[in-house]
Amino acid sequence: VVHSSPVVEVGIDIKPGSFPNSINRNNKGNISVAIFSSGTFNATEVDRATVNFEGASPLDIGKTPEDINGDGLLDIVFHFSTQKMSLPDGASEACLTGETIGGTLFEGCDSVRLVK
C-alpha cells in the first residue's frame, strides 16, 4: 500500500510552558512534547505506536488528553527518554512525526537549544 496522502503540519510544544527548550542529551530523564489539536487536527486520535520524536518512541506515561494551550481543544502530551533521542550536534529544531488512528500522517517541529 502506497500512501500518497500529504503530511499534515501540526503544532507541537517541546517542554510545554518553557522557552527556550533546552535539552541536555546526557540527561537521564525525559522530555515532554505536547501535540496541539486544531480546527483540522484532533490530537487525541494520534496512534501512540507510530509516534517518533527524533528517534525515540513515547514512554508509557501521560496518556490523558488535556487542553495545554487554552484554546478549548484537547491536546495530548507524550514523554520521551532523552537518552533515546538522536539529536545531532548543533541541532536547533526537533521534530515529532506519526500517524492518526485513521492513517493521517503528521509532523510538528519546535525549536531546541542543546546544552551540556
C-alpha atoms as a PDB file:
ATOM      1  CA  VAL A   1       0.000   0.000   0.000  1.00  0.00           C
ATOM      2  CA  VAL A   2       1.450   3.326  -1.055  1.00  0.00           C
ATOM      3  CA  HIS A   3       0.378   6.347   0.963  1.00  0.00           C
ATOM      4  CA  SER A   4       0.167   9.367  -1.272  1.00  0.00           C
ATOM      5  CA  SER A   5      -1.562  11.458   1.357  1.00  0.00           C
ATOM      6  CA  PRO A   6       0.186  14.685   2.292  1.00  0.00           C
ATOM      7  CA  VAL A   7       1.812  15.079   5.682  1.00  0.00           C
ATOM      8  CA  VAL A   8      -0.265  17.348   7.907  1.00  0.00           C
ATOM      9  CA  GLU A   9       1.729  20.026   9.752  1.00  0.00           C
ATOM     10  CA  VAL A  10       0.699  20.134  13.416  1.00  0.00           C
ATOM     11  CA  GLY A  11       1.600  22.435  16.275  1.00  0.00           C
ATOM     12  CA  ILE A  12       3.817  20.967  18.971  1.00  0.00           C
ATOM     13  CA  ASP A  13       5.441  22.391  22.080  1.00  0.00           C
ATOM     14  CA  ILE A  14       8.573  20.796  23.483  1.00  0.00           C
ATOM     15  CA  LYS A  15       8.592  21.159  27.277  1.00  0.00           C
ATOM     16  CA  PRO A  16       5.211  22.956  27.370  1.00  0.00           C
ATOM     17  CA  GLY A  17       5.410  26.247  29.238  1.00  0.00           C
ATOM     18  CA  SER A  18       9.173  26.717  28.969  1.00  0.00           C
ATOM     19  CA  PHE A  19      11.326  28.623  26.493  1.00  0.00           C
ATOM     20  CA  PRO A  20      13.969  28.196  25.267  1.00  0.00           C
ATOM     21  CA  ASN A  21      13.531  24.426  25.029  1.00  0.00           C
ATOM     22  CA  SER A  22      16.894  23.454  26.484  1.00  0.00           C
ATOM     23  CA  ILE A  23      17.882  19.823  26.034  1.00  0.00           C
ATOM     24  CA  ASN A  24      20.877  18.173  27.656  1.00  0.00           C
ATOM     25  CA  ARG A  25      21.450  14.990  25.663  1.00  0.00           C
ATOM     26  CA  ASN A  26      23.246  13.421  28.656  1.00  0.00           C
ATOM     27  CA  ASN A  27      20.200  13.863  30.894  1.00  0.00           C
ATOM     28  CA  LYS A  28      18.787  10.549  32.128  1.00  0.00           C
ATOM     29  CA  GLY A  29      15.260  11.952  32.416  1.00  0.00           C
ATOM     30  CA  ASN A  30      12.569  12.513  29.869  1.00  0.00           C
ATOM     31  CA  ILE A  31      11.208  15.303  27.727  1.00  0.00           C
ATOM     32  CA  SER A  32       7.540  16.122  27.351  1.00  0.00           C
ATOM     33  CA  VAL A  33       6.125  17.180  23.990  1.00  0.00           C
ATOM     34  CA  ALA A  34       2.579  18.451  23.526  1.00  0.00           C
ATOM     35  CA  ILE A  35       0.746  17.883  20.247  1.00  0.00           C
ATOM     36  CA  PHE A  36      -1.951  20.513  19.778  1.00  0.00           C
ATOM     37  CA  SER A  37      -5.393  19.911  18.344  1.00  0.00           C
ATOM     38  CA  SER A  38      -6.660  22.459  15.834  1.00  0.00           C
ATOM     39  CA  GLY A  39      -9.753  23.005  13.731  1.00  0.00           C
ATOM     40  CA  THR A  40      -8.372  20.474  11.253  1.00  0.00           C
ATOM     41  CA  PHE A  41      -6.435  18.066  13.505  1.00  0.00           C
ATOM     42  CA  ASN A  42      -7.549  16.058  16.539  1.00  0.00           C
ATOM     43  CA  ALA A  43      -4.502  15.225  18.662  1.00  0.00           C
ATOM     44  CA  THR A  44      -6.498  12.690  20.692  1.00  0.00           C
ATOM     45  CA  GLU A  45      -6.653  10.491  17.552  1.00  0.00           C
ATOM     46  CA  VAL A  46      -2.859  10.106  17.378  1.00  0.00           C
ATOM     47  CA  ASP A  47      -1.773   6.452  17.225  1.00  0.00           C
ATOM     48  CA  ARG A  48       0.830   6.156  20.017  1.00  0.00           C
ATOM     49  CA  ALA A  49       2.516   3.218  18.280  1.00  0.00           C
ATOM     50  CA  THR A  50       3.501   5.442  15.317  1.00  0.00           C
ATOM     51  CA  VAL A  51       4.853   8.451  17.235  1.00  0.00           C
ATOM     52  CA  ASN A  52       8.575   9.184  16.872  1.00  0.00           C
ATOM     53  CA  PHE A  53      10.469  12.131  18.355  1.00  0.00           C
ATOM     54  CA  GLU A  54      13.985  12.350  16.907  1.00  0.00           C
ATOM     55  CA  GLY A  55      14.441   8.580  17.072  1.00  0.00           C
ATOM     56  CA  ALA A  56      12.639   7.998  20.378  1.00  0.00           C
ATOM     57  CA  SER A  57       9.301   6.250  20.902  1.00  0.00           C
ATOM     58  CA  PRO A  58       6.931   7.600  23.558  1.00  0.00           C
ATOM     59  CA  LEU A  59       7.203   6.328  27.116  1.00  0.00           C
ATOM     60  CA  ASP A  60       4.150   4.653  28.615  1.00  0.00           C
ATOM     61  CA  ILE A  61       3.096   7.666  30.701  1.00  0.00           C
ATOM     62  CA  GLY A  62       0.926  10.759  30.330  1.00  0.00           C
ATOM     63  CA  LYS A  63      -1.983   9.417  28.304  1.00  0.00           C
ATOM     64  CA  THR A  64      -4.762  11.733  29.469  1.00  0.00           C
ATOM     65  CA  PRO A  65      -5.752  14.416  26.947  1.00  0.00           C
ATOM     66  CA  GLU A  66      -5.768  17.968  28.322  1.00  0.00           C
ATOM     67  CA  ASP A  67      -6.077  21.477  26.949  1.00  0.00           C
ATOM     68  CA  ILE A  68      -2.458  22.661  27.136  1.00  0.00           C
ATOM     69  CA  ASN A  69      -2.683  25.906  25.155  1.00  0.00           C
ATOM     70  CA  GLY A  70      -6.064  27.120  26.426  1.00  0.00           C
ATOM     71  CA  ASP A  71      -7.924  27.034  23.097  1.00  0.00           C
ATOM     72  CA  GLY A  72     -10.691  24.736  24.337  1.00  0.00           C
ATOM     73  CA  LEU A  73      -9.454  21.730  22.306  1.00  0.00           C
ATOM     74  CA  LEU A  74      -7.956  18.621  23.899  1.00  0.00           C
ATOM     75  CA  ASP A  75      -4.233  18.225  23.273  1.00  0.00           C
ATOM     76  CA  ILE A  76      -2.024  15.249  24.103  1.00  0.00           C
ATOM     77  CA  VAL A  77       1.358  15.203  25.828  1.00  0.00           C
ATOM     78  CA  PHE A  78       3.896  12.500  25.095  1.00  0.00           C
ATOM     79  CA  HIS A  79       7.049  11.820  27.113  1.00  0.00           C
ATOM     80  CA  PHE A  80      10.315  10.629  25.575  1.00  0.00           C
ATOM     81  CA  SER A  81      13.551   9.320  27.071  1.00  0.00           C
ATOM     82  CA  THR A  82      16.252  11.938  26.479  1.00  0.00           C
ATOM     83  CA  GLN A  83      18.816   9.153  26.105  1.00  0.00           C
ATOM     84  CA  LYS A  84      16.913   7.544  23.213  1.00  0.00           C
ATOM     85  CA  MET A  85      16.770  10.719  21.126  1.00  0.00           C
ATOM     86  CA  SER A  86      19.295  11.156  18.340  1.00  0.00           C
ATOM     87  CA  LEU A  87      19.674  14.924  18.057  1.00  0.00           C
ATOM     88  CA  PRO A  88      22.776  15.896  16.092  1.00  0.00           C
ATOM     89  CA  ASP A  89      25.310  18.427  17.375  1.00  0.00           C
ATOM     90  CA  GLY A  90      24.174  21.959  16.659  1.00  0.00           C
ATOM     91  CA  ALA A  91      20.505  20.995  16.229  1.00  0.00           C
ATOM     92  CA  SER A  92      18.197  24.000  16.583  1.00  0.00           C
ATOM     93  CA  GLU A  93      14.948  22.167  15.891  1.00  0.00           C
ATOM     94  CA  ALA A  94      13.411  18.836  16.866  1.00  0.00           C
ATOM     95  CA  CYS A  95      10.534  17.184  15.039  1.00  0.00           C
ATOM     96  CA  LEU A  96       7.853  14.726  16.021  1.00  0.00           C
ATOM     97  CA  THR A  97       6.168  12.504  13.431  1.00  0.00           C
ATOM     98  CA  GLY A  98       3.380   9.971  13.498  1.00  0.00           C
ATOM     99  CA  GLU A  99       0.019   8.877  12.228  1.00  0.00           C
ATOM    100  CA  THR A 100      -3.526   9.190  13.460  1.00  0.00           C
ATOM    101  CA  ILE A 101      -5.670   6.127  14.053  1.00  0.00           C
ATOM    102  CA  GLY A 102      -7.310   6.981  10.717  1.00  0.00           C
ATOM    103  CA  GLY A 103      -3.961   6.884   8.897  1.00  0.00           C
ATOM    104  CA  THR A 104      -3.274  10.613   8.505  1.00  0.00           C
ATOM    105  CA  LEU A 105       0.480  11.292   8.566  1.00  0.00           C
ATOM    106  CA  PHE A 106       1.571  14.312  10.597  1.00  0.00           C
ATOM    107  CA  GLU A 107       4.703  16.189  11.591  1.00  0.00           C
ATOM    108  CA  GLY A 108       5.386  19.015  14.007  1.00  0.00           C
ATOM    109  CA  CYS A 109       8.644  20.811  14.808  1.00  0.00           C
ATOM    110  CA  ASP A 110       9.739  23.154  17.569  1.00  0.00           C
ATOM    111  CA  SER A 111      12.954  24.975  18.388  1.00  0.00           C
ATOM    112  CA  VAL A 112      15.511  23.444  20.753  1.00  0.00           C
ATOM    113  CA  ARG A 113      18.699  24.634  22.393  1.00  0.00           C
ATOM    114  CA  LEU A 114      21.252  21.957  23.162  1.00  0.00           C
ATOM    115  CA  VAL A 115      23.057  22.433  26.470  1.00  0.00           C
ATOM    116  CA  LYS A 116      25.880  20.450  28.027  1.00  0.00           C
END
